[in-house]
């Protein structure tokens, strides 16, 4: 979005809006009251008002102060707080025709013709505008005063005065109030759909508090290249960040199974059986002769210790240990101490609600017509600190419904005692897990001794159970 785009206030005139549009070459301008969006003035709406000048029954409703300012005029007679309401006439007719056509309250633009000036006043005109600074006799001024007619003299020509009078209307009377808006966090492709479907030149961007943030311009979006991204630690489309489908994926660095992701262009892929994707990234640093900063090295070390459960996971390889030692040296972190801090920090104090447990480390997988979510929490003293079982199952069912999945599972892994508890959202999940592990659920839980890795020890048997059942 652009946050340097000028805006209008509700009291700006159509002429001011038109000049600003011409200067900025914008197709629409936001109308703000402070920082609150109250409307949008599109170019086509402004064009309609300009075309209204072609209408022989042009009408205005203006206060005298606005009209005087627009015409750069001088008030010769009439109340300064007068309101101009009526049809606008350009005085190309005779005094006799004026007396026949003009209705009380009409606005008449005349030039150097004292008889026509007199006739329009006597016909009951609410305002007589004398164009080109034409002379006005004192008796005409007194006649206008006696009839309560506003007499205004302007240096503008008759046609220019008519146009400026029409353009002096306040923006608030012509803007679109129910304009389409987007949020700063909305996806770009969603905004583009709004632009196309509503045939808009721009869309205002409004935050959650209703505060105007900027303008998204169609002309800026058209030449935009697709964002180039590298996927790390995942390659399943269901696990990708929002917007990846509209981006150009140029590489994948991962240590998981292939997820059937499709791309339009060839790409570089590095998918290897190591315990953590940061092991592959650390090796890339070292191959390239680039030394990561202590902060980046510490972050990657933390990732390796987390993914390998401090080298306890069966996915751990000598490469993970080697890269962890290198990163520990660069970050000046002691592995044992950092691992203990990581594991303790995984569970906040006080203990968070069940929905936190099921969404903290959640991944969704699809096998044929079955889609399943598998969440994992790796902690210490799991059985003492976990929420009530039925509350976890309720949270799992809600997550399953929200994601539109077949079922879901929660893996609670005790890091130090090296076992996992498996909880299913429903009976369908329990049946899949029982086929996968050849064990029965007891009191809503399936105890899996030695099972630490979702990727290596849980996902493969679950996938086999699902695909095997589908073939039967």
Protein backbone atom coordinates (compact mmCIF):
# COMPACT_ATOMS: atom_id res chain seq x y z
CA UNK A 1 0.00 0.00 0.00
CA UNK A 2 0.98 3.68 -0.31
CA UNK A 3 0.80 5.79 2.84
CA UNK A 4 1.98 9.01 1.19
CA UNK A 5 -1.17 9.50 -0.91
CA UNK A 6 -2.94 12.84 -0.25
CA UNK A 7 -6.49 12.77 1.05
CA UNK A 8 -9.54 15.00 1.16
CA UNK A 9 -11.52 16.41 4.06
CA UNK A 10 -15.33 16.39 3.89
CA UNK A 11 -15.36 20.20 3.44
CA UNK A 12 -13.04 20.22 0.43
CA UNK A 13 -14.83 21.26 -2.76
CA UNK A 14 -15.21 19.21 -5.90
CA UNK A 15 -12.90 21.65 -7.65
CA UNK A 16 -10.18 21.12 -5.05
CA UNK A 17 -10.67 17.38 -5.42
CA UNK A 18 -10.43 17.60 -9.21
CA UNK A 19 -7.23 19.65 -9.08
CA UNK A 20 -5.69 17.20 -6.63
CA UNK A 21 -6.65 14.23 -8.82
CA UNK A 22 -5.11 15.90 -11.85
CA UNK A 23 -1.92 16.66 -9.91
CA UNK A 24 -1.54 13.15 -8.46
CA UNK A 25 -3.04 11.22 -11.41
CA UNK A 26 -5.07 9.15 -8.95
CA UNK A 27 -8.33 7.44 -9.84
CA UNK A 28 -9.85 7.96 -6.40
CA UNK A 29 -9.11 9.89 -3.20
CA UNK A 30 -9.93 8.89 0.38
CA UNK A 31 -12.03 11.30 2.45
CA UNK A 32 -10.90 11.44 6.09
CA UNK A 33 -12.30 12.93 9.26
CA UNK A 34 -9.09 13.06 11.28
CA UNK A 35 -7.67 9.55 10.86
CA UNK A 36 -11.08 7.94 10.26
CA UNK A 37 -12.15 7.06 6.72
CA UNK A 38 -15.65 8.36 6.01
CA UNK A 39 -15.78 7.87 2.24
CA UNK A 40 -14.05 7.75 -1.11
CA UNK A 41 -14.37 10.12 -4.06
CA UNK A 42 -13.72 8.20 -7.32
CA UNK A 43 -12.77 9.95 -10.54
CA UNK A 44 -15.87 8.76 -12.42
CA UNK A 45 -18.17 10.28 -9.79
CA UNK A 46 -16.31 13.57 -10.12
CA UNK A 47 -16.62 13.34 -13.90
CA UNK A 48 -20.39 12.93 -13.53
CA UNK A 49 -20.54 16.23 -11.66
CA UNK A 50 -18.55 17.98 -14.38
CA UNK A 51 -20.90 16.55 -17.01
CA UNK A 52 -23.80 17.99 -15.04
CA UNK A 53 -22.79 21.35 -16.50
CA UNK A 54 -24.29 20.14 -19.78
CA UNK A 55 -27.67 19.82 -18.10
CA UNK A 56 -29.98 22.81 -18.80
CA UNK A 57 -31.59 22.27 -15.39
CA UNK A 58 -28.43 22.56 -13.30
CA UNK A 59 -29.30 23.17 -9.64
CA UNK A 60 -27.11 24.18 -6.71
CA UNK A 61 -27.35 24.24 -2.96
CA UNK A 62 -24.50 26.31 -1.48
CA UNK A 63 -23.92 28.75 1.30
CA UNK A 64 -22.96 32.24 0.12
CA UNK A 65 -19.50 32.11 1.73
CA UNK A 66 -18.57 28.99 -0.27
CA UNK A 67 -19.89 30.46 -3.54
CA UNK A 68 -18.11 33.79 -2.97
CA UNK A 69 -14.80 32.00 -2.30
CA UNK A 70 -15.17 29.75 -5.37
CA UNK A 71 -15.91 32.74 -7.61
CA UNK A 72 -13.39 35.06 -5.97
CA UNK A 73 -16.33 37.43 -5.76
CA UNK A 74 -17.49 40.46 -3.80
CA UNK A 75 -20.92 40.63 -2.14
CA UNK A 76 -22.68 43.88 -3.11
CA UNK A 77 -26.04 43.13 -1.48
CA UNK A 78 -27.74 40.45 0.59
CA UNK A 79 -27.18 38.73 3.90
CA UNK A 80 -23.70 37.19 4.38
CA UNK A 81 -25.26 34.01 5.81
CA UNK A 82 -27.59 33.51 2.85
CA UNK A 83 -28.08 30.07 1.29
CA UNK A 84 -28.20 29.66 -2.50
CA UNK A 85 -30.83 27.12 -3.53
CA UNK A 86 -32.32 26.83 -6.98
CA UNK A 87 -31.82 26.43 -10.69
CA UNK A 88 -28.80 28.10 -12.27
CA UNK A 89 -29.41 30.30 -15.32
CA UNK A 90 -26.81 31.89 -17.59
CA UNK A 91 -28.44 35.17 -18.69
CA UNK A 92 -28.50 34.89 -22.46
CA UNK A 93 -32.19 35.76 -22.61
CA UNK A 94 -34.05 39.07 -22.79
CA UNK A 95 -35.47 40.90 -19.74
CA UNK A 96 -38.95 39.82 -20.84
CA UNK A 97 -37.93 36.14 -21.01
CA UNK A 98 -36.22 36.49 -17.64
CA UNK A 99 -39.44 37.60 -15.96
CA UNK A 100 -41.22 34.59 -17.50
CA UNK A 101 -38.62 31.84 -16.79
CA UNK A 102 -36.99 32.71 -13.49
CA UNK A 103 -38.55 31.25 -10.37
CA UNK A 104 -38.15 32.59 -6.81
CA UNK A 105 -34.78 31.55 -5.36
CA UNK A 106 -33.07 30.81 -8.70
CA UNK A 107 -29.44 31.79 -9.34
CA UNK A 108 -28.88 33.95 -12.44
CA UNK A 109 -25.51 34.82 -13.98
CA UNK A 110 -25.54 38.06 -15.97
CA UNK A 111 -23.00 40.50 -17.39
CA UNK A 112 -23.06 44.19 -18.40
CA UNK A 113 -26.81 44.58 -18.95
CA UNK A 114 -28.53 46.74 -16.36
CA UNK A 115 -32.02 45.98 -17.72
CA UNK A 116 -31.45 42.23 -17.42
CA UNK A 117 -29.97 42.72 -13.94
CA UNK A 118 -33.13 44.60 -12.93
CA UNK A 119 -35.48 42.04 -14.53
CA UNK A 120 -33.89 39.07 -12.75
CA UNK A 121 -34.13 40.78 -9.37
CA UNK A 122 -37.77 41.75 -9.94
CA UNK A 123 -38.52 38.15 -11.08
CA UNK A 124 -37.55 36.94 -7.60
CA UNK A 125 -34.05 35.53 -8.18
CA UNK A 126 -32.40 34.47 -4.92
CA UNK A 127 -28.95 35.39 -6.20
CA UNK A 128 -27.71 37.45 -9.14
CA UNK A 129 -24.07 36.91 -10.09
CA UNK A 130 -22.57 39.69 -12.18
CA UNK A 131 -19.77 38.20 -14.30
CA UNK A 132 -16.57 39.79 -15.71
CA UNK A 133 -16.68 42.47 -12.96
CA UNK A 134 -19.33 44.25 -14.99
CA UNK A 135 -20.50 47.62 -13.60
CA UNK A 136 -23.50 47.60 -11.29
CA UNK A 137 -25.47 50.81 -10.77
CA UNK A 138 -26.24 51.94 -7.24
CA UNK A 139 -29.97 51.72 -7.96
CA UNK A 140 -29.53 48.01 -8.85
CA UNK A 141 -27.73 47.40 -5.57
CA UNK A 142 -30.54 49.14 -3.68
CA UNK A 143 -33.17 47.16 -5.63
CA UNK A 144 -31.46 43.89 -4.72
CA UNK A 145 -31.28 44.95 -1.10
CA UNK A 146 -34.99 45.79 -1.10
CA UNK A 147 -35.94 42.39 -2.61
CA UNK A 148 -33.62 40.41 -0.31
CA UNK A 149 -31.62 39.27 -3.35
CA UNK A 150 -27.95 38.39 -3.04
CA UNK A 151 -25.88 40.43 -5.49
CA UNK A 152 -22.41 39.01 -6.11
CA UNK A 153 -19.82 40.35 -8.54
CA UNK A 154 -17.01 38.10 -9.89
CA UNK A 155 -14.12 38.54 -12.34
CA UNK A 156 -15.01 35.17 -13.91
CA UNK A 157 -16.88 34.80 -17.21
CA UNK A 158 -20.48 33.57 -17.19
CA UNK A 159 -19.60 30.01 -18.23
CA UNK A 160 -16.64 29.86 -15.82
CA UNK A 161 -18.86 31.12 -13.01
CA UNK A 162 -21.42 28.38 -13.72
CA UNK A 163 -18.70 25.71 -13.71
CA UNK A 164 -17.08 27.00 -10.52
CA UNK A 165 -20.43 27.21 -8.81
CA UNK A 166 -21.10 23.55 -9.60
CA UNK A 167 -17.58 22.58 -8.51
CA UNK A 168 -17.87 24.41 -5.19
CA UNK A 169 -20.00 21.64 -3.69
CA UNK A 170 -18.48 19.96 -0.62
CA UNK A 171 -17.01 16.50 -1.16
CA UNK A 172 -19.08 15.07 1.70
CA UNK A 173 -22.26 15.49 -0.35
CA UNK A 174 -20.96 13.49 -3.33
CA UNK A 175 -18.50 10.87 -1.98
CA UNK A 176 -19.23 7.15 -1.71
CA UNK A 177 -19.86 6.27 1.93
CA UNK A 178 -19.94 2.46 1.67
CA UNK A 179 -16.55 1.99 0.05
CA UNK A 180 -14.68 -1.32 -0.15
CA UNK A 181 -11.74 -1.48 2.30
CA UNK A 182 -9.03 -3.99 3.22
CA UNK A 183 -6.98 -4.65 6.35
CA UNK A 184 -3.16 -4.29 6.44
CA UNK A 185 -2.95 -8.02 7.22
CA UNK A 186 -5.17 -9.14 4.33
CA UNK A 187 -3.49 -11.11 1.56
CA UNK A 188 -2.56 -9.25 -1.59
CA UNK A 189 -4.48 -11.65 -3.81
CA UNK A 190 -7.67 -10.96 -1.78
CA UNK A 191 -7.24 -7.22 -2.35
CA UNK A 192 -6.64 -7.81 -6.06
CA UNK A 193 -9.92 -9.72 -6.26
CA UNK A 194 -11.73 -6.73 -4.71
CA UNK A 195 -10.10 -4.43 -7.27
CA UNK A 196 -11.16 -6.64 -10.17
CA UNK A 197 -14.67 -7.49 -9.00
CA UNK A 198 -15.58 -3.90 -8.11
CA UNK A 199 -13.60 -2.31 -10.98
CA UNK A 200 -11.78 -0.01 -8.57
CA UNK A 201 -8.70 2.13 -9.13
CA UNK A 202 -7.72 1.88 -5.46
CA UNK A 203 -8.82 0.51 -2.09
CA UNK A 204 -8.34 2.24 1.31
CA UNK A 205 -6.48 0.23 3.93
CA UNK A 206 -8.06 0.34 7.41
CA UNK A 207 -6.62 -1.30 10.54
CA UNK A 208 -8.56 -3.20 13.22
CA UNK A 209 -9.25 0.05 15.09
CA UNK A 210 -10.83 1.69 12.04
CA UNK A 211 -7.83 3.97 11.49
CA UNK A 212 -6.85 4.82 7.93
CA UNK A 213 -3.40 3.44 7.05
CA UNK A 214 -2.96 4.06 3.33
CA UNK A 215 -4.19 3.36 -0.18
CA UNK A 216 -3.68 0.26 -2.32
CA UNK A 217 -3.40 1.37 -5.96
CA UNK A 218 -4.24 -0.83 -8.93
CA UNK A 219 -1.55 0.83 -11.02
CA UNK A 220 1.08 -0.13 -8.44
CA UNK A 221 -0.05 -3.76 -8.31
CA UNK A 222 -0.06 -4.41 -12.05
CA UNK A 223 3.74 -4.36 -12.59
CA UNK A 224 4.51 -6.23 -9.36
CA UNK A 225 6.64 -9.34 -9.74
CA UNK A 226 5.70 -12.47 -7.81
CA UNK A 227 7.52 -12.68 -4.49
CA UNK A 228 10.41 -15.16 -4.60
CA UNK A 229 10.54 -17.47 -1.57
CA UNK A 230 12.57 -20.38 -0.24
CA UNK A 231 10.63 -22.92 1.82
CA UNK A 232 12.54 -24.18 4.86
CA UNK A 233 11.60 -27.05 7.17
CA UNK A 234 8.43 -27.89 5.23
CA UNK A 235 7.22 -28.69 1.72
CA UNK A 236 3.53 -29.52 2.26
CA UNK A 237 1.20 -26.91 0.82
CA UNK A 238 -1.06 -27.23 3.87
CA UNK A 239 1.84 -26.11 6.10
CA UNK A 240 2.95 -23.18 3.94
CA UNK A 241 2.49 -19.59 5.00
CA UNK A 242 -0.44 -17.63 3.60
CA UNK A 243 0.37 -16.21 0.18
CA UNK A 244 2.94 -18.85 -0.84
CA UNK A 245 0.60 -20.13 -3.55
CA UNK A 246 0.88 -16.74 -5.28
CA UNK A 247 4.68 -16.61 -4.89
CA UNK A 248 7.53 -18.07 -6.91
CA UNK A 249 9.14 -20.92 -4.95
CA UNK A 250 12.80 -20.99 -5.97
CA UNK A 251 14.14 -23.55 -3.48
CA UNK A 252 13.24 -26.00 -0.70
CA UNK A 253 15.52 -26.89 2.21
CA UNK A 254 13.88 -29.56 4.34
CA UNK A 255 14.23 -32.84 6.21
CA UNK A 256 10.62 -34.07 6.01
CA UNK A 257 8.79 -36.38 3.62
CA UNK A 258 7.62 -35.00 0.27
CA UNK A 259 4.21 -33.36 0.44
CA UNK A 260 3.13 -33.17 -3.19
CA UNK A 261 3.77 -29.44 -3.55
CA UNK A 262 3.48 -28.29 -7.19
CA UNK A 263 5.45 -25.45 -8.74
CA UNK A 264 5.33 -23.75 -12.13
CA UNK A 265 9.11 -23.48 -12.54
CA UNK A 266 12.05 -25.80 -11.86
CA UNK A 267 13.65 -25.21 -8.47
CA UNK A 268 16.54 -26.22 -6.27
CA UNK A 269 15.68 -28.87 -3.65
CA UNK A 270 17.70 -30.15 -0.72
CA UNK A 271 15.74 -32.71 1.33
CA UNK A 272 17.95 -34.89 3.49
CA UNK A 273 17.41 -37.28 6.38
CA UNK A 274 18.86 -35.23 9.23
CA UNK A 275 17.31 -34.29 12.55
CA UNK A 276 16.80 -30.61 11.80
CA UNK A 277 16.65 -28.34 8.75
CA UNK A 278 19.02 -25.93 10.53
CA UNK A 279 21.69 -28.61 10.26
CA UNK A 280 21.44 -28.26 6.46
CA UNK A 281 21.47 -24.46 6.69
CA UNK A 282 24.50 -24.47 9.02
CA UNK A 283 26.33 -26.74 6.57
CA UNK A 284 25.49 -24.29 3.77
CA UNK A 285 27.01 -21.46 5.85
CA UNK A 286 30.18 -23.43 6.35
CA UNK A 287 30.45 -24.56 2.70
CA UNK A 288 30.12 -20.95 1.59
CA UNK A 289 32.77 -19.74 4.02
CA UNK A 290 30.25 -17.48 5.77
CA UNK A 291 30.24 -17.26 9.56
CA UNK A 292 26.81 -16.55 11.06
CA UNK A 293 26.54 -13.96 13.82
CA UNK A 294 26.46 -15.25 17.42
CA UNK A 295 22.72 -14.48 17.55
CA UNK A 296 21.92 -16.43 14.35
CA UNK A 297 24.22 -19.27 15.43
CA UNK A 298 22.44 -19.44 18.80
CA UNK A 299 19.04 -19.51 17.11
CA UNK A 300 20.07 -22.37 14.81
CA UNK A 301 21.61 -24.26 17.73
CA UNK A 302 18.34 -23.92 19.63
CA UNK A 303 16.45 -25.30 16.61
CA UNK A 304 18.71 -28.36 16.39
CA UNK A 305 18.42 -29.07 20.12
CA UNK A 306 14.64 -28.68 19.91
CA UNK A 307 14.13 -30.84 16.81
CA UNK A 308 16.45 -33.62 18.04
CA UNK A 309 15.25 -33.31 21.67
CA UNK A 310 18.87 -32.73 22.68
CA UNK A 311 20.01 -35.64 20.46
CA UNK A 312 17.53 -38.09 22.05
CA UNK A 313 15.31 -38.31 18.97
CA UNK A 314 15.88 -41.28 16.62
CA UNK A 315 16.11 -38.75 13.77
CA UNK A 316 19.43 -37.46 15.19
CA UNK A 317 22.46 -37.96 12.95
CA UNK A 318 26.19 -37.33 13.43
CA UNK A 319 25.75 -34.30 11.14
CA UNK A 320 23.33 -32.77 13.66
CA UNK A 321 25.83 -33.25 16.48
CA UNK A 322 28.68 -31.81 14.42
CA UNK A 323 26.77 -28.70 13.41
CA UNK A 324 25.47 -28.22 16.96
CA UNK A 325 29.03 -28.25 18.29
CA UNK A 326 30.12 -25.69 15.65
CA UNK A 327 27.16 -23.41 16.38
CA UNK A 328 27.72 -23.71 20.15
CA UNK A 329 31.28 -22.51 19.67
CA UNK A 330 30.18 -19.56 17.51
CA UNK A 331 27.35 -18.52 19.85
CA UNK A 332 29.31 -19.21 23.05
CA UNK A 333 26.37 -21.28 24.33
CA UNK A 334 26.74 -24.40 26.47
CA UNK A 335 24.58 -27.13 24.89
CA UNK A 336 23.33 -28.79 28.10
CA UNK A 337 22.39 -25.46 29.71
CA UNK A 338 20.67 -24.09 26.59
CA UNK A 339 18.69 -27.31 26.09
CA UNK A 340 17.39 -27.24 29.67
CA UNK A 341 16.38 -23.59 29.30
CA UNK A 342 14.56 -24.40 26.05
CA UNK A 343 12.62 -27.31 27.52
CA UNK A 344 11.64 -25.39 30.65
CA UNK A 345 10.50 -22.40 28.59
CA UNK A 346 8.13 -24.46 26.45
CA UNK A 347 5.43 -24.40 29.08
CA UNK A 348 4.49 -20.91 30.29
CA UNK A 349 3.46 -20.20 33.86
CA UNK A 350 0.57 -20.43 34.58
CA UNK A 351 -0.22 -23.47 32.47
CA UNK A 352 -1.93 -22.29 29.23
CA UNK A 353 -5.41 -23.44 28.13
CA UNK A 354 -5.97 -26.59 26.02
CA UNK A 355 -6.19 -24.75 22.68
CA UNK A 356 -2.58 -23.60 23.19
CA UNK A 357 -1.44 -27.21 23.55
CA UNK A 358 -3.06 -28.37 20.32
CA UNK A 359 -2.05 -25.38 18.17
CA UNK A 360 1.50 -24.72 19.40
CA UNK A 361 3.21 -27.15 16.99
CA UNK A 362 0.47 -28.22 14.58
CA UNK A 363 0.92 -29.78 11.17
CA UNK A 364 -1.68 -31.07 8.73
CA UNK A 365 -1.15 -33.96 6.31
CA UNK A 366 -3.27 -35.39 3.50
CA UNK A 367 -3.24 -39.02 2.40
CA UNK A 368 -5.74 -39.70 -0.40
CA UNK A 369 -9.16 -38.62 0.83
CA UNK A 370 -8.08 -38.44 4.48
CA UNK A 371 -6.62 -35.29 6.01
CA UNK A 372 -5.21 -35.43 9.52
CA UNK A 373 -3.67 -32.90 11.87
CA UNK A 374 -0.90 -33.97 14.25
CA UNK A 375 0.16 -31.62 17.05
CA UNK A 376 3.15 -32.28 19.29
CA UNK A 377 4.27 -30.85 22.63
CA UNK A 378 7.72 -31.83 23.97
CA UNK A 379 7.95 -31.15 27.71
CA UNK A 380 9.12 -32.53 31.02
CA UNK A 381 6.73 -34.09 33.56
CA UNK A 382 4.01 -34.26 30.90
CA UNK A 383 1.46 -36.30 32.87
CA UNK A 384 1.62 -33.97 35.87
CA UNK A 385 1.35 -30.75 33.87
CA UNK A 386 -1.06 -31.54 31.02
CA UNK A 387 -4.63 -30.12 31.12
CA UNK A 388 -7.59 -32.48 31.73
CA UNK A 389 -7.88 -35.07 28.99
CA UNK A 390 -11.44 -34.24 27.93
CA UNK A 391 -10.56 -30.54 27.58
CA UNK A 392 -7.68 -31.46 25.25
CA UNK A 393 -10.01 -33.66 23.19
CA UNK A 394 -12.52 -30.80 22.92
CA UNK A 395 -9.78 -28.44 21.74
CA UNK A 396 -8.63 -31.05 19.22
CA UNK A 397 -12.15 -31.44 17.84
CA UNK A 398 -12.48 -27.66 17.46
CA UNK A 399 -9.13 -27.45 15.65
CA UNK A 400 -10.16 -30.35 13.39
CA UNK A 401 -13.43 -28.62 12.47
CA UNK A 402 -11.76 -25.25 11.92
CA UNK A 403 -9.14 -26.75 9.60
CA UNK A 404 -11.71 -28.86 7.74
CA UNK A 405 -9.83 -32.12 8.45
CA UNK A 406 -10.95 -35.73 8.86
CA UNK A 407 -9.52 -36.06 12.36
CA UNK A 408 -6.51 -35.02 14.46
CA UNK A 409 -4.06 -36.27 17.07
CA UNK A 410 -2.03 -34.70 19.89
CA UNK A 411 1.38 -36.15 20.78
CA UNK A 412 2.57 -35.25 24.30
CA UNK A 413 6.25 -36.18 24.48
CA UNK A 414 8.15 -36.43 27.77
CA UNK A 415 11.68 -35.38 26.89
CA UNK A 416 13.50 -36.83 29.89
CA UNK A 417 11.50 -40.05 30.40
CA UNK A 418 11.42 -40.62 26.63
CA UNK A 419 7.84 -41.66 25.97
CA UNK A 420 4.77 -40.07 24.37
CA UNK A 421 1.07 -39.98 25.11
CA UNK A 422 -1.18 -39.94 22.05
CA UNK A 423 -4.64 -38.34 22.30
CA UNK A 424 -7.20 -38.43 19.49
CA UNK A 425 -9.90 -35.90 18.71
CA UNK A 426 -12.54 -38.58 18.11
CA UNK A 427 -13.17 -42.26 17.46
CA UNK A 428 -11.91 -41.97 13.86
CA UNK A 429 -8.55 -40.75 15.13
CA UNK A 430 -8.36 -43.52 17.73
CA UNK A 431 -9.04 -46.19 15.11
CA UNK A 432 -6.27 -44.87 12.84
CA UNK A 433 -3.79 -44.72 15.75
CA UNK A 434 -4.67 -48.23 16.96
CA UNK A 435 -4.09 -49.65 13.46
CA UNK A 436 -0.82 -47.72 13.20
CA UNK A 437 0.70 -48.83 16.53
CA UNK A 438 -1.10 -52.10 17.25
CA UNK A 439 -2.10 -50.88 20.70
CA UNK A 440 -5.43 -50.04 22.32
CA UNK A 441 -6.35 -46.71 23.87
CA UNK A 442 -6.77 -46.83 27.64
CA UNK A 443 -8.73 -44.08 29.41
CA UNK A 444 -8.54 -41.92 26.29
CA UNK A 445 -4.73 -42.15 25.92
CA UNK A 446 -2.30 -44.31 23.97
CA UNK A 447 1.05 -44.68 25.73
CA UNK A 448 4.00 -45.05 23.32
CA UNK A 449 7.31 -45.89 25.09
CA UNK A 450 10.40 -44.64 23.27
CA UNK A 451 8.38 -42.64 20.74
CA UNK A 452 9.90 -39.14 20.48
CA UNK A 453 9.69 -38.12 16.83
CA UNK A 454 6.50 -37.18 15.03
CA UNK A 455 8.28 -37.24 11.67
CA UNK A 456 10.05 -40.59 12.00
CA UNK A 457 8.06 -42.61 14.54
CA UNK A 458 4.48 -41.34 14.25
CA UNK A 459 3.81 -40.06 10.75
CA UNK A 460 5.00 -43.15 8.79
CA UNK A 461 2.80 -45.68 10.66
CA UNK A 462 -0.14 -43.26 10.59
CA UNK A 463 0.27 -42.84 6.82
CA UNK A 464 0.52 -46.61 6.39
CA UNK A 465 -2.62 -47.17 8.48
CA UNK A 466 -4.61 -44.66 6.43
CA UNK A 467 -3.44 -45.75 2.99
CA UNK A 468 -3.70 -49.44 3.96
CA UNK A 469 -7.30 -48.96 5.11
CA UNK A 470 -8.09 -47.12 1.87
CA UNK A 471 -6.89 -50.11 -0.21
CA UNK A 472 -9.02 -52.62 1.73
